Amino acid sequence: MKGLKGTSYAKQSFDIIGGGTMKDFLETQVLTIVLISSVFWSLLSYVLIAFAKTNIYKLIIIVGTFALALALLVTTLLILLVFLLQLIMRS
C-alpha cells in the first residue's frame, strides 16, 4: 500500500478492525475487497442498464473522459506551479 505508508492512519490501530493497523487490515483483506468491489460495481451497472435504461458505454466514456481531463488539469497546474516557483527563486 504505497499511498497509505506516509499517512498518519497507517500505523494507528483501530478497535473496529480488531486492534490492528489500517495497513495490515488492507493487506490481509485484498481478496475480499476486490470481490466486494467487483460485485458492487457489477450490480450498479446492472441496475443502471436494466432499470434506468442507461447506455452504460456512454457513461463509461463520459466518466473516463472526465478523469482524463481532471488528470490533465492537475498536471498542467503542477507544471505551472513549478515554473512559477523557478521564476521566483531566480529573482
N, C-alpha and C. Protein backbone atom coordinates (compact mmCIF):
# COMPACT_ATOMS: atom_id res chain seq x y z
N MET A 1 0.83 -1.17 0.00
CA MET A 1 0.00 0.00 0.00
C MET A 1 0.88 1.24 0.00
N LYS A 2 1.32 1.64 -1.16
CA LYS A 2 2.25 2.76 -1.26
C LYS A 2 1.66 4.07 -0.75
N GLY A 3 0.45 4.38 -1.14
CA GLY A 3 -0.13 5.66 -0.76
C GLY A 3 -0.47 5.76 0.70
N LEU A 4 -0.64 4.64 1.35
CA LEU A 4 -1.03 4.63 2.76
C LEU A 4 0.15 4.80 3.70
N LYS A 5 1.36 4.45 3.25
CA LYS A 5 2.53 4.45 4.12
C LYS A 5 2.80 5.80 4.77
N GLY A 6 2.65 6.86 4.02
CA GLY A 6 3.00 8.18 4.52
C GLY A 6 1.93 8.84 5.37
N THR A 7 0.76 8.26 5.48
CA THR A 7 -0.31 8.89 6.25
C THR A 7 -0.20 8.55 7.73
N SER A 8 -0.85 9.36 8.53
CA SER A 8 -0.83 9.13 9.97
C SER A 8 -1.70 7.93 10.35
N TYR A 9 -2.62 7.54 9.46
CA TYR A 9 -3.52 6.42 9.75
C TYR A 9 -2.86 5.05 9.57
N ALA A 10 -1.78 4.99 8.86
CA ALA A 10 -1.16 3.70 8.52
C ALA A 10 -0.70 2.93 9.75
N LYS A 11 -0.14 3.61 10.73
CA LYS A 11 0.41 2.93 11.90
C LYS A 11 -0.50 3.01 13.11
N GLN A 12 -1.61 3.69 12.96
CA GLN A 12 -2.56 3.83 14.06
C GLN A 12 -3.43 2.58 14.14
N SER A 13 -3.67 2.07 15.35
CA SER A 13 -4.51 0.89 15.47
C SER A 13 -5.96 1.30 15.74
N PHE A 14 -6.89 0.54 15.18
CA PHE A 14 -8.32 0.83 15.30
C PHE A 14 -9.03 -0.36 15.92
N ASP A 15 -9.90 -0.10 16.89
CA ASP A 15 -10.66 -1.17 17.55
C ASP A 15 -11.63 -1.85 16.59
N ILE A 16 -12.17 -1.09 15.65
CA ILE A 16 -13.19 -1.63 14.74
C ILE A 16 -12.64 -2.73 13.83
N ILE A 17 -11.32 -2.74 13.61
CA ILE A 17 -10.71 -3.79 12.78
C ILE A 17 -9.87 -4.74 13.63
N GLY A 18 -10.30 -4.92 14.86
CA GLY A 18 -9.65 -5.89 15.74
C GLY A 18 -8.37 -5.41 16.37
N GLY A 19 -8.18 -4.10 16.47
CA GLY A 19 -6.99 -3.56 17.11
C GLY A 19 -5.77 -3.51 16.21
N GLY A 20 -5.92 -3.90 14.95
CA GLY A 20 -4.80 -3.88 14.01
C GLY A 20 -4.67 -2.53 13.33
N THR A 21 -3.61 -2.39 12.57
CA THR A 21 -3.42 -1.14 11.82
C THR A 21 -4.18 -1.20 10.51
N MET A 22 -4.43 -0.05 9.95
CA MET A 22 -5.14 0.05 8.67
C MET A 22 -4.34 -0.66 7.57
N LYS A 23 -3.04 -0.49 7.59
CA LYS A 23 -2.18 -1.11 6.58
C LYS A 23 -2.27 -2.63 6.64
N ASP A 24 -2.18 -3.18 7.83
CA ASP A 24 -2.27 -4.64 7.99
C ASP A 24 -3.63 -5.17 7.56
N PHE A 25 -4.69 -4.44 7.93
CA PHE A 25 -6.03 -4.86 7.57
C PHE A 25 -6.21 -4.91 6.06
N LEU A 26 -5.78 -3.85 5.38
CA LEU A 26 -5.93 -3.80 3.92
C LEU A 26 -5.09 -4.86 3.23
N GLU A 27 -3.91 -5.13 3.75
CA GLU A 27 -3.04 -6.14 3.14
C GLU A 27 -3.59 -7.55 3.32
N THR A 28 -4.28 -7.81 4.41
CA THR A 28 -4.82 -9.16 4.64
C THR A 28 -6.18 -9.35 3.99
N GLN A 29 -6.86 -8.30 3.64
CA GLN A 29 -8.22 -8.39 3.11
C GLN A 29 -8.30 -8.03 1.62
N VAL A 30 -7.23 -8.16 0.89
CA VAL A 30 -7.20 -7.77 -0.52
C VAL A 30 -8.25 -8.52 -1.34
N LEU A 31 -8.29 -9.83 -1.21
CA LEU A 31 -9.23 -10.64 -1.99
C LEU A 31 -10.67 -10.25 -1.68
N THR A 32 -10.98 -10.06 -0.41
CA THR A 32 -12.34 -9.67 -0.01
C THR A 32 -12.71 -8.32 -0.59
N ILE A 33 -11.79 -7.37 -0.54
CA ILE A 33 -12.05 -6.03 -1.06
C ILE A 33 -12.29 -6.09 -2.57
N VAL A 34 -11.48 -6.85 -3.28
CA VAL A 34 -11.64 -6.97 -4.73
C VAL A 34 -12.97 -7.64 -5.09
N LEU A 35 -13.32 -8.70 -4.37
CA LEU A 35 -14.58 -9.40 -4.64
C LEU A 35 -15.80 -8.52 -4.36
N ILE A 36 -15.80 -7.86 -3.22
CA ILE A 36 -16.93 -6.99 -2.87
C ILE A 36 -17.04 -5.83 -3.86
N SER A 37 -15.92 -5.27 -4.23
CA SER A 37 -15.91 -4.17 -5.19
C SER A 37 -16.44 -4.63 -6.55
N SER A 38 -16.01 -5.79 -7.01
CA SER A 38 -16.49 -6.32 -8.30
C SER A 38 -17.99 -6.57 -8.28
N VAL A 39 -18.47 -7.17 -7.20
CA VAL A 39 -19.91 -7.44 -7.08
C VAL A 39 -20.69 -6.12 -7.05
N PHE A 40 -20.21 -5.16 -6.26
CA PHE A 40 -20.90 -3.87 -6.15
C PHE A 40 -21.01 -3.17 -7.50
N TRP A 41 -19.88 -3.06 -8.21
CA TRP A 41 -19.90 -2.33 -9.49
C TRP A 41 -20.69 -3.10 -10.55
N SER A 42 -20.67 -4.42 -10.50
CA SER A 42 -21.48 -5.20 -11.43
C SER A 42 -22.97 -4.99 -11.18
N LEU A 43 -23.36 -5.01 -9.91
CA LEU A 43 -24.77 -4.77 -9.57
C LEU A 43 -25.20 -3.35 -9.93
N LEU A 44 -24.34 -2.38 -9.66
CA LEU A 44 -24.66 -1.00 -10.02
C LEU A 44 -24.83 -0.86 -11.53
N SER A 45 -23.94 -1.48 -12.29
CA SER A 45 -24.05 -1.44 -13.75
C SER A 45 -25.34 -2.10 -14.22
N TYR A 46 -25.68 -3.24 -13.62
CA TYR A 46 -26.92 -3.93 -13.98
C TYR A 46 -28.15 -3.08 -13.69
N VAL A 47 -28.17 -2.44 -12.52
CA VAL A 47 -29.30 -1.58 -12.16
C VAL A 47 -29.41 -0.41 -13.14
N LEU A 48 -28.29 0.19 -13.48
CA LEU A 48 -28.33 1.31 -14.42
C LEU A 48 -28.81 0.88 -15.80
N ILE A 49 -28.40 -0.30 -16.23
CA ILE A 49 -28.81 -0.79 -17.55
C ILE A 49 -30.27 -1.23 -17.54
N ALA A 50 -30.66 -2.04 -16.57
CA ALA A 50 -31.98 -2.66 -16.56
C ALA A 50 -33.10 -1.70 -16.16
N PHE A 51 -32.88 -0.94 -15.10
CA PHE A 51 -33.97 -0.14 -14.56
C PHE A 51 -33.94 1.32 -15.00
N ALA A 52 -32.77 1.89 -15.13
CA ALA A 52 -32.66 3.29 -15.53
C ALA A 52 -32.51 3.43 -17.04
N LYS A 53 -32.41 2.31 -17.74
CA LYS A 53 -32.26 2.30 -19.21
C LYS A 53 -31.10 3.20 -19.66
N THR A 54 -30.01 3.12 -18.92
CA THR A 54 -28.82 3.90 -19.23
C THR A 54 -27.93 3.13 -20.19
N ASN A 55 -27.39 3.85 -21.15
CA ASN A 55 -26.39 3.25 -22.03
C ASN A 55 -25.06 3.25 -21.26
N ILE A 56 -24.68 2.10 -20.77
CA ILE A 56 -23.51 2.00 -19.89
C ILE A 56 -22.23 2.40 -20.60
N TYR A 57 -22.15 2.19 -21.91
CA TYR A 57 -20.95 2.56 -22.65
C TYR A 57 -20.77 4.08 -22.69
N LYS A 58 -21.87 4.81 -22.85
CA LYS A 58 -21.79 6.27 -22.81
C LYS A 58 -21.33 6.74 -21.45
N LEU A 59 -21.86 6.13 -20.40
CA LEU A 59 -21.49 6.50 -19.05
C LEU A 59 -20.00 6.25 -18.80
N ILE A 60 -19.50 5.10 -19.26
CA ILE A 60 -18.08 4.78 -19.08
C ILE A 60 -17.21 5.77 -19.85
N ILE A 61 -17.61 6.12 -21.06
CA ILE A 61 -16.84 7.08 -21.86
C ILE A 61 -16.85 8.46 -21.21
N ILE A 62 -17.99 8.88 -20.69
CA ILE A 62 -18.09 10.20 -20.03
C ILE A 62 -17.22 10.24 -18.78
N VAL A 63 -17.31 9.20 -17.95
CA VAL A 63 -16.51 9.16 -16.73
C VAL A 63 -15.02 9.10 -17.06
N GLY A 64 -14.65 8.31 -18.05
CA GLY A 64 -13.24 8.21 -18.45
C GLY A 64 -12.71 9.52 -19.01
N THR A 65 -13.53 10.19 -19.82
CA THR A 65 -13.13 11.48 -20.38
C THR A 65 -12.94 12.51 -19.27
N PHE A 66 -13.87 12.51 -18.31
CA PHE A 66 -13.75 13.43 -17.18
C PHE A 66 -12.49 13.15 -16.37
N ALA A 67 -12.18 11.88 -16.16
CA ALA A 67 -10.98 11.52 -15.40
C ALA A 67 -9.72 11.98 -16.12
N LEU A 68 -9.68 11.79 -17.43
CA LEU A 68 -8.51 12.24 -18.19
C LEU A 68 -8.38 13.76 -18.16
N ALA A 69 -9.51 14.46 -18.30
CA ALA A 69 -9.47 15.92 -18.25
C ALA A 69 -9.00 16.42 -16.89
N LEU A 70 -9.46 15.78 -15.84
CA LEU A 70 -9.04 16.16 -14.50
C LEU A 70 -7.55 15.90 -14.29
N ALA A 71 -7.07 14.77 -14.77
CA ALA A 71 -5.64 14.45 -14.65
C ALA A 71 -4.80 15.45 -15.43
N LEU A 72 -5.26 15.83 -16.61
CA LEU A 72 -4.54 16.82 -17.42
C LEU A 72 -4.53 18.17 -16.73
N LEU A 73 -5.64 18.56 -16.13
CA LEU A 73 -5.72 19.83 -15.41
C LEU A 73 -4.75 19.84 -14.23
N VAL A 74 -4.72 18.79 -13.46
CA VAL A 74 -3.82 18.71 -12.30
C VAL A 74 -2.37 18.76 -12.76
N THR A 75 -2.05 18.03 -13.81
CA THR A 75 -0.68 18.02 -14.34
C THR A 75 -0.28 19.42 -14.81
N THR A 76 -1.18 20.08 -15.53
CA THR A 76 -0.90 21.42 -16.02
C THR A 76 -0.69 22.39 -14.87
N LEU A 77 -1.52 22.30 -13.84
CA LEU A 77 -1.36 23.18 -12.69
C LEU A 77 -0.05 22.94 -11.96
N LEU A 78 0.35 21.68 -11.85
CA LEU A 78 1.63 21.37 -11.20
C LEU A 78 2.81 21.91 -12.00
N ILE A 79 2.75 21.78 -13.32
CA ILE A 79 3.81 22.31 -14.17
C ILE A 79 3.88 23.83 -14.04
N LEU A 80 2.72 24.49 -14.02
CA LEU A 80 2.66 25.94 -13.86
C LEU A 80 3.23 26.35 -12.51
N LEU A 81 2.90 25.62 -11.47
CA LEU A 81 3.40 25.92 -10.14
C LEU A 81 4.93 25.79 -10.08
N VAL A 82 5.47 24.74 -10.66
CA VAL A 82 6.92 24.55 -10.69
C VAL A 82 7.59 25.67 -11.47
N PHE A 83 7.00 26.05 -12.60
CA PHE A 83 7.54 27.14 -13.42
C PHE A 83 7.56 28.44 -12.63
N LEU A 84 6.45 28.75 -11.95
CA LEU A 84 6.38 29.99 -11.17
C LEU A 84 7.36 29.97 -10.00
N LEU A 85 7.51 28.84 -9.35
CA LEU A 85 8.49 28.73 -8.27
C LEU A 85 9.91 28.93 -8.78
N GLN A 86 10.21 28.42 -9.96
CA GLN A 86 11.55 28.63 -10.53
C GLN A 86 11.79 30.09 -10.84
N LEU A 87 10.75 30.77 -11.33
CA LEU A 87 10.88 32.21 -11.61
C LEU A 87 11.12 33.00 -10.32
N ILE A 88 10.42 32.64 -9.28
CA ILE A 88 10.57 33.33 -8.00
C ILE A 88 11.95 33.09 -7.41
N MET A 89 12.44 31.85 -7.52
CA MET A 89 13.74 31.51 -6.96
C MET A 89 14.89 32.20 -7.70
N ARG A 90 14.72 32.49 -8.97
CA ARG A 90 15.78 33.13 -9.76
C ARG A 90 15.92 34.61 -9.40
N SER A 91 14.82 35.23 -9.02
CA SER A 91 14.90 36.68 -8.74
C SER A 91 15.17 36.99 -7.31
